[in-house]
Full PDB file with SEQRES, HELIX, SHEET, SSBOND, CRYST1, ORIGX, SCALE, CONECT and MASTER records, all heavy atoms in Angstrom:
SEQRES   1 A   37  ALA ALA VAL ARG ALA ARG GLY CYS GLN PHE LEU GLY PRO          
SEQRES   2 A   37  ALA MET GLN GLU GLU VAL LEU ARG LEU VAL LEU LEU ALA          
SEQRES   3 A   37  LEU GLU GLU GLY TYR ALA LEU SER ARG LYS VAL                  
HELIX    1 AA1 ALA A    2  ALA A    5  1                                   4    
HELIX    2 AA2 PRO A   13  LEU A   27  1                                  15    
CRYST1    1.000    1.000    1.000  90.00  90.00  90.00 P 1           1          
ORIGX1      1.000000  0.000000  0.000000        0.00000                         
ORIGX2      0.000000  1.000000  0.000000        0.00000                         
ORIGX3      0.000000  0.000000  1.000000        0.00000                         
SCALE1      1.000000  0.000000  0.000000        0.00000                         
SCALE2      0.000000  1.000000  0.000000        0.00000                         
SCALE3      0.000000  0.000000  1.000000        0.00000                         
ATOM      1  N   ALA A   1       0.842  -1.198   0.000  1.00  0.00           N  
ATOM      2  CA  ALA A   1       0.000   0.000   0.000  1.00  0.00           C  
ATOM      3  C   ALA A   1       0.877   1.247   0.000  1.00  0.00           C  
ATOM      4  O   ALA A   1       0.604   2.235  -0.695  1.00  0.00           O  
ATOM      5  CB  ALA A   1      -0.927  -0.011   1.210  1.00  0.00           C  
ATOM      6  N   ALA A   2       1.971   1.195   0.785  1.00  0.00           N  
ATOM      7  CA  ALA A   2       2.902   2.328   0.817  1.00  0.00           C  
ATOM      8  C   ALA A   2       3.633   2.479  -0.512  1.00  0.00           C  
ATOM      9  O   ALA A   2       3.882   3.589  -0.981  1.00  0.00           O  
ATOM     10  CB  ALA A   2       3.903   2.133   1.955  1.00  0.00           C  
ATOM     11  N   VAL A   3       3.980   1.337  -1.136  1.00  0.00           N  
ATOM     12  CA  VAL A   3       4.655   1.389  -2.437  1.00  0.00           C  
ATOM     13  C   VAL A   3       3.762   2.053  -3.475  1.00  0.00           C  
ATOM     14  O   VAL A   3       4.183   2.934  -4.235  1.00  0.00           O  
ATOM     15  CB  VAL A   3       5.051  -0.036  -2.889  1.00  0.00           C  
ATOM     16  CG1 VAL A   3       5.493  -0.035  -4.349  1.00  0.00           C  
ATOM     17  CG2 VAL A   3       6.160  -0.580  -1.992  1.00  0.00           C  
ATOM     18  N   ARG A   4       2.494   1.636  -3.522  1.00  0.00           N  
ATOM     19  CA  ARG A   4       1.570   2.214  -4.502  1.00  0.00           C  
ATOM     20  C   ARG A   4       1.328   3.689  -4.231  1.00  0.00           C  
ATOM     21  O   ARG A   4       1.149   4.498  -5.143  1.00  0.00           O  
ATOM     22  CB  ARG A   4       0.251   1.429  -4.500  1.00  0.00           C  
ATOM     23  CG  ARG A   4       0.370   0.047  -5.125  1.00  0.00           C  
ATOM     24  CD  ARG A   4      -0.998  -0.577  -5.336  1.00  0.00           C  
ATOM     25  NE  ARG A   4      -1.638  -0.900  -4.067  1.00  0.00           N  
ATOM     26  CZ  ARG A   4      -1.469  -2.043  -3.430  1.00  0.00           C  
ATOM     27  NH1 ARG A   4      -0.664  -2.973  -3.938  1.00  0.00           N  
ATOM     28  NH2 ARG A   4      -2.086  -2.282  -2.291  1.00  0.00           N  
ATOM     29  N   ALA A   5       1.337   4.077  -2.944  1.00  0.00           N  
ATOM     30  CA  ALA A   5       1.118   5.486  -2.591  1.00  0.00           C  
ATOM     31  C   ALA A   5       2.236   6.368  -3.120  1.00  0.00           C  
ATOM     32  O   ALA A   5       2.045   7.572  -3.316  1.00  0.00           O  
ATOM     33  CB  ALA A   5       1.003   5.638  -1.075  1.00  0.00           C  
ATOM     34  N   ARG A   6       3.402   5.799  -3.357  1.00  0.00           N  
ATOM     35  CA  ARG A   6       4.524   6.573  -3.903  1.00  0.00           C  
ATOM     36  C   ARG A   6       4.529   6.586  -5.427  1.00  0.00           C  
ATOM     37  O   ARG A   6       5.461   7.069  -6.053  1.00  0.00           O  
ATOM     38  CB  ARG A   6       5.857   6.018  -3.393  1.00  0.00           C  
ATOM     39  CG  ARG A   6       6.139   6.351  -1.947  1.00  0.00           C  
ATOM     40  CD  ARG A   6       7.547   5.923  -1.558  1.00  0.00           C  
ATOM     41  NE  ARG A   6       8.564   6.522  -2.406  1.00  0.00           N  
ATOM     42  CZ  ARG A   6       9.063   7.749  -2.233  1.00  0.00           C  
ATOM     43  NH1 ARG A   6       8.619   8.480  -1.232  1.00  0.00           N  
ATOM     44  NH2 ARG A   6       9.980   8.219  -3.046  1.00  0.00           N  
ATOM     45  N   GLY A   7       3.480   6.042  -6.038  1.00  0.00           N  
ATOM     46  CA  GLY A   7       3.381   6.113  -7.487  1.00  0.00           C  
ATOM     47  C   GLY A   7       4.078   5.002  -8.229  1.00  0.00           C  
ATOM     48  O   GLY A   7       4.338   5.128  -9.427  1.00  0.00           O  
ATOM     49  N   CYS A   8       4.418   3.913  -7.569  1.00  0.00           N  
ATOM     50  CA  CYS A   8       5.042   2.788  -8.246  1.00  0.00           C  
ATOM     51  C   CYS A   8       3.949   1.996  -8.965  1.00  0.00           C  
ATOM     52  O   CYS A   8       3.083   1.423  -8.311  1.00  0.00           O  
ATOM     53  CB  CYS A   8       5.768   1.900  -7.245  1.00  0.00           C  
ATOM     54  SG  CYS A   8       7.018   2.790  -6.295  1.00  0.00           S  
ATOM     55  N   GLN A   9       3.982   1.980 -10.284  1.00  0.00           N  
ATOM     56  CA  GLN A   9       2.887   1.427 -11.075  1.00  0.00           C  
ATOM     57  C   GLN A   9       3.183   0.054 -11.677  1.00  0.00           C  
ATOM     58  O   GLN A   9       2.597  -0.327 -12.661  1.00  0.00           O  
ATOM     59  CB  GLN A   9       2.540   2.412 -12.204  1.00  0.00           C  
ATOM     60  CG  GLN A   9       2.073   3.771 -11.722  1.00  0.00           C  
ATOM     61  CD  GLN A   9       0.846   3.681 -10.834  1.00  0.00           C  
ATOM     62  OE1 GLN A   9      -0.056   2.885 -11.091  1.00  0.00           O  
ATOM     63  NE2 GLN A   9       0.798   4.496  -9.782  1.00  0.00           N  
ATOM     64  N   PHE A  10       4.151  -0.668 -11.122  1.00  0.00           N  
ATOM     65  CA  PHE A  10       4.400  -2.016 -11.653  1.00  0.00           C  
ATOM     66  C   PHE A  10       3.524  -2.995 -10.876  1.00  0.00           C  
ATOM     67  O   PHE A  10       3.944  -3.714 -10.005  1.00  0.00           O  
ATOM     68  CB  PHE A  10       5.887  -2.387 -11.587  1.00  0.00           C  
ATOM     69  CG  PHE A  10       6.458  -2.434 -10.201  1.00  0.00           C  
ATOM     70  CD1 PHE A  10       6.692  -3.646  -9.572  1.00  0.00           C  
ATOM     71  CD2 PHE A  10       6.775  -1.280  -9.544  1.00  0.00           C  
ATOM     72  CE1 PHE A  10       7.224  -3.691  -8.290  1.00  0.00           C  
ATOM     73  CE2 PHE A  10       7.309  -1.318  -8.252  1.00  0.00           C  
ATOM     74  CZ  PHE A  10       7.529  -2.531  -7.641  1.00  0.00           C  
ATOM     75  N   LEU A  11       2.241  -2.999 -11.188  1.00  0.00           N  
ATOM     76  CA  LEU A  11       1.290  -3.827 -10.463  1.00  0.00           C  
ATOM     77  C   LEU A  11       1.447  -5.293 -10.872  1.00  0.00           C  
ATOM     78  O   LEU A  11       1.995  -5.615 -11.919  1.00  0.00           O  
ATOM     79  CB  LEU A  11      -0.130  -3.342 -10.737  1.00  0.00           C  
ATOM     80  CG  LEU A  11      -0.409  -1.884 -10.340  1.00  0.00           C  
ATOM     81  CD1 LEU A  11      -1.850  -1.522 -10.665  1.00  0.00           C  
ATOM     82  CD2 LEU A  11      -0.129  -1.661  -8.869  1.00  0.00           C  
ATOM     83  N   GLY A  12       0.915  -6.164 -10.044  1.00  0.00           N  
ATOM     84  CA  GLY A  12       1.019  -7.593 -10.288  1.00  0.00           C  
ATOM     85  C   GLY A  12       1.661  -8.275  -9.108  1.00  0.00           C  
ATOM     86  O   GLY A  12       2.834  -8.058  -8.839  1.00  0.00           O  
ATOM     87  N   PRO A  13       0.897  -9.072  -8.364  1.00  0.00           N  
ATOM     88  CA  PRO A  13       1.424  -9.698  -7.132  1.00  0.00           C  
ATOM     89  C   PRO A  13       2.692 -10.506  -7.356  1.00  0.00           C  
ATOM     90  O   PRO A  13       3.596 -10.481  -6.531  1.00  0.00           O  
ATOM     91  CB  PRO A  13       0.258 -10.594  -6.688  1.00  0.00           C  
ATOM     92  CG  PRO A  13      -0.958  -9.988  -7.319  1.00  0.00           C  
ATOM     93  CD  PRO A  13      -0.499  -9.418  -8.623  1.00  0.00           C  
ATOM     94  N   ALA A  14       2.772 -11.228  -8.463  1.00  0.00           N  
ATOM     95  CA  ALA A  14       3.945 -12.079  -8.686  1.00  0.00           C  
ATOM     96  C   ALA A  14       5.218 -11.247  -8.762  1.00  0.00           C  
ATOM     97  O   ALA A  14       6.235 -11.570  -8.139  1.00  0.00           O  
ATOM     98  CB  ALA A  14       3.764 -12.883  -9.965  1.00  0.00           C  
ATOM     99  N   MET A  15       5.161 -10.142  -9.498  1.00  0.00           N  
ATOM    100  CA  MET A  15       6.349  -9.302  -9.644  1.00  0.00           C  
ATOM    101  C   MET A  15       6.670  -8.598  -8.337  1.00  0.00           C  
ATOM    102  O   MET A  15       7.840  -8.461  -7.962  1.00  0.00           O  
ATOM    103  CB  MET A  15       6.124  -8.282 -10.757  1.00  0.00           C  
ATOM    104  CG  MET A  15       7.321  -7.361 -10.988  1.00  0.00           C  
ATOM    105  SD  MET A  15       7.035  -6.252 -12.357  1.00  0.00           S  
ATOM    106  CE  MET A  15       8.465  -5.179 -12.206  1.00  0.00           C  
ATOM    107  N   GLN A  16       5.644  -8.158  -7.629  1.00  0.00           N  
ATOM    108  CA  GLN A  16       5.865  -7.467  -6.359  1.00  0.00           C  
ATOM    109  C   GLN A  16       6.572  -8.373  -5.361  1.00  0.00           C  
ATOM    110  O   GLN A  16       7.536  -7.974  -4.705  1.00  0.00           O  
ATOM    111  CB  GLN A  16       4.520  -6.986  -5.795  1.00  0.00           C  
ATOM    112  CG  GLN A  16       3.872  -5.901  -6.640  1.00  0.00           C  
ATOM    113  CD  GLN A  16       2.468  -5.560  -6.168  1.00  0.00           C  
ATOM    114  OE1 GLN A  16       1.948  -6.186  -5.241  1.00  0.00           O  
ATOM    115  NE2 GLN A  16       1.856  -4.586  -6.800  1.00  0.00           N  
ATOM    116  N   GLU A  17       6.102  -9.606  -5.244  1.00  0.00           N  
ATOM    117  CA  GLU A  17       6.721 -10.533  -4.308  1.00  0.00           C  
ATOM    118  C   GLU A  17       8.150 -10.856  -4.728  1.00  0.00           C  
ATOM    119  O   GLU A  17       9.041 -11.024  -3.898  1.00  0.00           O  
ATOM    120  CB  GLU A  17       5.885 -11.818  -4.220  1.00  0.00           C  
ATOM    121  CG  GLU A  17       4.515 -11.633  -3.589  1.00  0.00           C  
ATOM    122  CD  GLU A  17       4.592 -11.136  -2.159  1.00  0.00           C  
ATOM    123  OE1 GLU A  17       5.555 -11.490  -1.450  1.00  0.00           O  
ATOM    124  OE2 GLU A  17       3.698 -10.374  -1.748  1.00  0.00           O  
ATOM    125  N   GLU A  18       8.379 -10.941  -6.036  1.00  0.00           N  
ATOM    126  CA  GLU A  18       9.713 -11.257  -6.517  1.00  0.00           C  
ATOM    127  C   GLU A  18      10.692 -10.119  -6.220  1.00  0.00           C  
ATOM    128  O   GLU A  18      11.861 -10.352  -5.898  1.00  0.00           O  
ATOM    129  CB  GLU A  18       9.672 -11.540  -8.022  1.00  0.00           C  
ATOM    130  CG  GLU A  18      10.981 -12.028  -8.614  1.00  0.00           C  
ATOM    131  CD  GLU A  18      11.393 -13.400  -8.100  1.00  0.00           C  
ATOM    132  OE1 GLU A  18      10.595 -14.053  -7.392  1.00  0.00           O  
ATOM    133  OE2 GLU A  18      12.529 -13.824  -8.395  1.00  0.00           O  
ATOM    134  N   VAL A  19      10.223  -8.862  -6.320  1.00  0.00           N  
ATOM    135  CA  VAL A  19      11.076  -7.714  -6.003  1.00  0.00           C  
ATOM    136  C   VAL A  19      11.535  -7.785  -4.554  1.00  0.00           C  
ATOM    137  O   VAL A  19      12.726  -7.640  -4.246  1.00  0.00           O  
ATOM    138  CB  VAL A  19      10.334  -6.385  -6.270  1.00  0.00           C  
ATOM    139  CG1 VAL A  19      11.125  -5.211  -5.689  1.00  0.00           C  
ATOM    140  CG2 VAL A  19      10.136  -6.174  -7.762  1.00  0.00           C  
ATOM    141  N   LEU A  20      10.607  -8.010  -3.636  1.00  0.00           N  
ATOM    142  CA  LEU A  20      10.963  -8.096  -2.217  1.00  0.00           C  
ATOM    143  C   LEU A  20      11.903  -9.265  -1.961  1.00  0.00           C  
ATOM    144  O   LEU A  20      12.855  -9.160  -1.201  1.00  0.00           O  
ATOM    145  CB  LEU A  20       9.696  -8.245  -1.377  1.00  0.00           C  
ATOM    146  CG  LEU A  20       9.032  -6.955  -0.903  1.00  0.00           C  
ATOM    147  CD1 LEU A  20       7.902  -7.284   0.056  1.00  0.00           C  
ATOM    148  CD2 LEU A  20      10.020  -6.025  -0.248  1.00  0.00           C  
ATOM    149  N   ARG A  21      11.629 -10.393  -2.617  1.00  0.00           N  
ATOM    150  CA  ARG A  21      12.478 -11.566  -2.408  1.00  0.00           C  
ATOM    151  C   ARG A  21      13.914 -11.284  -2.848  1.00  0.00           C  
ATOM    152  O   ARG A  21      14.871 -11.653  -2.167  1.00  0.00           O  
ATOM    153  CB  ARG A  21      11.918 -12.765  -3.192  1.00  0.00           C  
ATOM    154  CG  ARG A  21      12.642 -14.084  -2.900  1.00  0.00           C  
ATOM    155  CD  ARG A  21      12.168 -15.185  -3.813  1.00  0.00           C  
ATOM    156  NE  ARG A  21      12.655 -14.986  -5.168  1.00  0.00           N  
ATOM    157  CZ  ARG A  21      13.888 -15.296  -5.566  1.00  0.00           C  
ATOM    158  NH1 ARG A  21      14.756 -15.818  -4.708  1.00  0.00           N  
ATOM    159  NH2 ARG A  21      14.266 -15.104  -6.814  1.00  0.00           N  
ATOM    160  N   LEU A  22      14.075 -10.609  -3.981  1.00  0.00           N  
ATOM    161  CA  LEU A  22      15.401 -10.316  -4.488  1.00  0.00           C  
ATOM    162  C   LEU A  22      16.136  -9.300  -3.621  1.00  0.00           C  
ATOM    163  O   LEU A  22      17.341  -9.384  -3.424  1.00  0.00           O  
ATOM    164  CB  LEU A  22      15.302  -9.803  -5.935  1.00  0.00           C  
ATOM    165  CG  LEU A  22      14.904 -10.852  -6.978  1.00  0.00           C  
ATOM    166  CD1 LEU A  22      14.634 -10.198  -8.325  1.00  0.00           C  
ATOM    167  CD2 LEU A  22      15.984 -11.916  -7.119  1.00  0.00           C  
ATOM    168  N   VAL A  23      15.400  -8.308  -3.094  1.00  0.00           N  
ATOM    169  CA  VAL A  23      16.013  -7.335  -2.192  1.00  0.00           C  
ATOM    170  C   VAL A  23      16.547  -8.030  -0.947  1.00  0.00           C  
ATOM    171  O   VAL A  23      17.678  -7.806  -0.509  1.00  0.00           O  
ATOM    172  CB  VAL A  23      15.007  -6.229  -1.815  1.00  0.00           C  
ATOM    173  CG1 VAL A  23      15.564  -5.380  -0.685  1.00  0.00           C  
ATOM    174  CG2 VAL A  23      14.694  -5.349  -3.023  1.00  0.00           C  
ATOM    175  N   LEU A  24      15.727  -8.906  -0.376  1.00  0.00           N  
ATOM    176  CA  LEU A  24      16.158  -9.629   0.823  1.00  0.00           C  
ATOM    177  C   LEU A  24      17.319 -10.569   0.505  1.00  0.00           C  
ATOM    178  O   LEU A  24      18.236 -10.734   1.315  1.00  0.00           O  
ATOM    179  CB  LEU A  24      14.979 -10.417   1.403  1.00  0.00           C  
ATOM    180  CG  LEU A  24      13.830  -9.572   1.957  1.00  0.00           C  
ATOM    181  CD1 LEU A  24      12.678 -10.471   2.388  1.00  0.00           C  
ATOM    182  CD2 LEU A  24      14.303  -8.720   3.117  1.00  0.00           C  
ATOM    183  N   LEU A  25      17.282 -11.189  -0.674  1.00  0.00           N  
ATOM    184  CA  LEU A  25      18.367 -12.085  -1.078  1.00  0.00           C  
ATOM    185  C   LEU A  25      19.692 -11.335  -1.165  1.00  0.00           C  
ATOM    186  O   LEU A  25      20.739 -11.825  -0.725  1.00  0.00           O  
ATOM    187  CB  LEU A  25      18.040 -12.720  -2.430  1.00  0.00           C  
ATOM    188  CG  LEU A  25      19.122 -13.625  -3.039  1.00  0.00           C  
ATOM    189  CD1 LEU A  25      19.325 -14.858  -2.164  1.00  0.00           C  
ATOM    190  CD2 LEU A  25      18.741 -14.025  -4.449  1.00  0.00           C  
ATOM    191  N   ALA A  26      19.642 -10.117  -1.708  1.00  0.00           N  
ATOM    192  CA  ALA A  26      20.869  -9.336  -1.870  1.00  0.00           C  
ATOM    193  C   ALA A  26      21.434  -8.875  -0.536  1.00  0.00           C  
ATOM    194  O   ALA A  26      22.636  -8.663  -0.399  1.00  0.00           O  
ATOM    195  CB  ALA A  26      20.598  -8.130  -2.772  1.00  0.00           C  
ATOM    196  N   LEU A  27      20.560  -8.730   0.467  1.00  0.00           N  
ATOM    197  CA  LEU A  27      20.997  -8.141   1.733  1.00  0.00           C  
ATOM    198  C   LEU A  27      21.105  -9.138   2.873  1.00  0.00           C  
ATOM    199  O   LEU A  27      21.486  -8.763   3.985  1.00  0.00           O  
ATOM    200  CB  LEU A  27      20.024  -7.024   2.152  1.00  0.00           C  
ATOM    201  CG  LEU A  27      19.894  -5.852   1.169  1.00  0.00           C  
ATOM    202  CD1 LEU A  27      18.804  -4.908   1.634  1.00  0.00           C  
ATOM    203  CD2 LEU A  27      21.203  -5.108   1.038  1.00  0.00           C  
ATOM    204  N   GLU A  28      20.784 -10.418   2.630  1.00  0.00           N  
ATOM    205  CA  GLU A  28      20.691 -11.359   3.748  1.00  0.00           C  
ATOM    206  C   GLU A  28      22.026 -11.610   4.444  1.00  0.00           C  
ATOM    207  O   GLU A  28      22.057 -11.983   5.609  1.00  0.00           O  
ATOM    208  CB  GLU A  28      20.096 -12.680   3.263  1.00  0.00           C  
ATOM    209  CG  GLU A  28      20.978 -13.439   2.284  1.00  0.00           C  
ATOM    210  CD  GLU A  28      20.333 -14.752   1.859  1.00  0.00           C  
ATOM    211  OE1 GLU A  28      19.266 -15.086   2.398  1.00  0.00           O  
ATOM    212  OE2 GLU A  28      20.900 -15.443   0.986  1.00  0.00           O  
ATOM    213  N   GLU A  29      23.129 -11.407   3.749  1.00  0.00           N  
ATOM    214  CA  GLU A  29      24.438 -11.624   4.373  1.00  0.00           C  
ATOM    215  C   GLU A  29      24.981 -10.364   5.029  1.00  0.00           C  
ATOM    216  O   GLU A  29      26.100 -10.350   5.538  1.00  0.00           O  
ATOM    217  CB  GLU A  29      25.434 -12.128   3.330  1.00  0.00           C  
ATOM    218  CG  GLU A  29      25.090 -13.501   2.760  1.00  0.00           C  
ATOM    219  CD  GLU A  29      25.082 -14.582   3.821  1.00  0.00           C  
ATOM    220  OE1 GLU A  29      25.855 -14.455   4.792  1.00  0.00           O  
ATOM    221  OE2 GLU A  29      24.303 -15.535   3.705  1.00  0.00           O  
ATOM    222  N   GLY A  30      24.212  -9.273   5.004  1.00  0.00           N  
ATOM    223  CA  GLY A  30      24.636  -8.049   5.672  1.00  0.00           C  
ATOM    224  C   GLY A  30      25.635  -7.223   4.896  1.00  0.00           C  
ATOM    225  O   GLY A  30      26.313  -6.375   5.458  1.00  0.00           O  
ATOM    226  N   TYR A  31      25.749  -7.458   3.566  1.00  0.00           N  
ATOM    227  CA  TYR A  31      26.705  -6.689   2.778  1.00  0.00           C  
ATOM    228  C   TYR A  31      26.240  -5.243   2.632  1.00  0.00           C  
ATOM    229  O   TYR A  31      25.048  -4.956   2.544  1.00  0.00           O  
ATOM    230  CB  TYR A  31      26.885  -7.304   1.386  1.00  0.00           C  
ATOM    231  CG  TYR A  31      27.451  -8.695   1.404  1.00  0.00           C  
ATOM    232  CD1 TYR A  31      26.771  -9.751   0.812  1.00  0.00           C  
ATOM    233  CD2 TYR A  31      28.662  -8.965   2.034  1.00  0.00           C  
ATOM    234  CE1 TYR A  31      27.293 -11.032   0.840  1.00  0.00           C  
ATOM    235  CE2 TYR A  31      29.189 -10.237   2.059  1.00  0.00           C  
ATOM    236  CZ  TYR A  31      28.503 -11.273   1.462  1.00  0.00           C  
ATOM    237  OH  TYR A  31      29.019 -12.530   1.498  1.00  0.00           O  
ATOM    238  N   ALA A  32      27.190  -4.317   2.572  1.00  0.00           N  
ATOM    239  CA  ALA A  32      26.884  -2.898   2.381  1.00  0.00           C  
ATOM    240  C   ALA A  32      26.839  -2.625   0.879  1.00  0.00           C  
ATOM    241  O   ALA A  32      27.873  -2.595   0.203  1.00  0.00           O  
ATOM    242  CB  ALA A  32      27.941  -2.030   3.053  1.00  0.00           C  
ATOM    243  N   LEU A  33      25.653  -2.476   0.323  1.00  0.00           N  
ATOM    244  CA  LEU A  33      25.476  -2.219  -1.097  1.00  0.00           C  
ATOM    245  C   LEU A  33      24.978  -0.803  -1.312  1.00  0.00           C  
ATOM    246  O   LEU A  33      24.204  -0.278  -0.519  1.00  0.00           O  
ATOM    247  CB  LEU A  33      24.464  -3.200  -1.704  1.00  0.00           C  
ATOM    248  CG  LEU A  33      24.779  -4.694  -1.587  1.00  0.00           C  
ATOM    249  CD1 LEU A  33      23.648  -5.506  -2.186  1.00  0.00           C  
ATOM    250  CD2 LEU A  33      26.085  -5.025  -2.290  1.00  0.00           C  
ATOM    251  N   SER A  34      25.395  -0.206  -2.409  1.00  0.00           N  
ATOM    252  CA  SER A  34      24.848   1.099  -2.765  1.00  0.00           C  
ATOM    253  C   SER A  34      23.450   0.890  -3.340  1.00  0.00           C  
ATOM    254  O   SER A  34      23.102  -0.200  -3.815  1.00  0.00           O  
ATOM    255  CB  SER A  34      25.735   1.800  -3.793  1.00  0.00           C  
ATOM    256  OG  SER A  34      25.658   1.143  -5.035  1.00  0.00           O  
ATOM    257  N   ARG A  35      22.628   1.927  -3.312  1.00  0.00           N  
ATOM    258  CA  ARG A  35      21.283   1.802  -3.869  1.00  0.00           C  
ATOM    259  C   ARG A  35      21.338   1.469  -5.359  1.00  0.00           C  
ATOM    260  O   ARG A  35      20.532   0.682  -5.855  1.00  0.00           O  
ATOM    261  CB  ARG A  35      20.512   3.102  -3.640  1.00  0.00           C  
ATOM    262  CG  ARG A  35      20.024   3.260  -2.205  1.00  0.00           C  
ATOM    263  CD  ARG A  35      19.198   4.506  -2.063  1.00  0.00           C  
ATOM    264  NE  ARG A  35      19.805   5.414  -1.105  1.00  0.00           N  
ATOM    265  CZ  ARG A  35      19.320   6.594  -0.799  1.00  0.00           C  
ATOM    266  NH1 ARG A  35      18.252   7.039  -1.391  1.00  0.00           N  
ATOM    267  NH2 ARG A  35      19.913   7.355   0.095  1.00  0.00           N  
ATOM    268  N   LYS A  36      22.286   2.077  -6.053  1.00  0.00           N  
ATOM    269  CA  LYS A  36      22.399   1.845  -7.494  1.00  0.00           C  
ATOM    270  C   LYS A  36      22.681   0.378  -7.785  1.00  0.00           C  
ATOM    271  O   LYS A  36      22.059  -0.232  -8.668  1.00  0.00           O  
ATOM    272  CB  LYS A  36      23.514   2.722  -8.067  1.00  0.00           C  
ATOM    273  CG  LYS A  36      23.720   2.550  -9.561  1.00  0.00           C  
ATOM    274  CD  LYS A  36      24.831   3.470 -10.062  1.00  0.00           C  
ATOM    275  CE  LYS A  36      25.064   3.290 -11.561  1.00  0.00           C  
ATOM    276  NZ  LYS A  36      26.152   4.177 -12.055  1.00  0.00           N  
ATOM    277  N   VAL A  37      23.624  -0.208  -7.034  1.00  0.00           N  
ATOM    278  CA  VAL A  37      23.966  -1.615  -7.233  1.00  0.00           C  
ATOM    279  C   VAL A  37      22.788  -2.518  -6.897  1.00  0.00           C  
ATOM    280  O   VAL A  37      22.479  -3.481  -7.610  1.00  0.00           O  
ATOM    281  CB  VAL A  37      25.198  -1.994  -6.379  1.00  0.00           C  
ATOM    282  CG1 VAL A  37      25.432  -3.508  -6.386  1.00  0.00           C  
ATOM    283  CG2 VAL A  37      26.438  -1.261  -6.889  1.00  0.00           C  
TER     284      VAL A  37                                                      
MASTER        0    0    0    2    0    0    0    6  283    1    0    3          
END                                                                             
């Protein structure tokens, strides 16, 4: 709901869940990544 409130228009539950999964995958080891990366 917060994502949509910011104007993110990539609707579709499958893609939304995949985005979160990939973000968590990239950060699960505690690495310091830049936003761009």
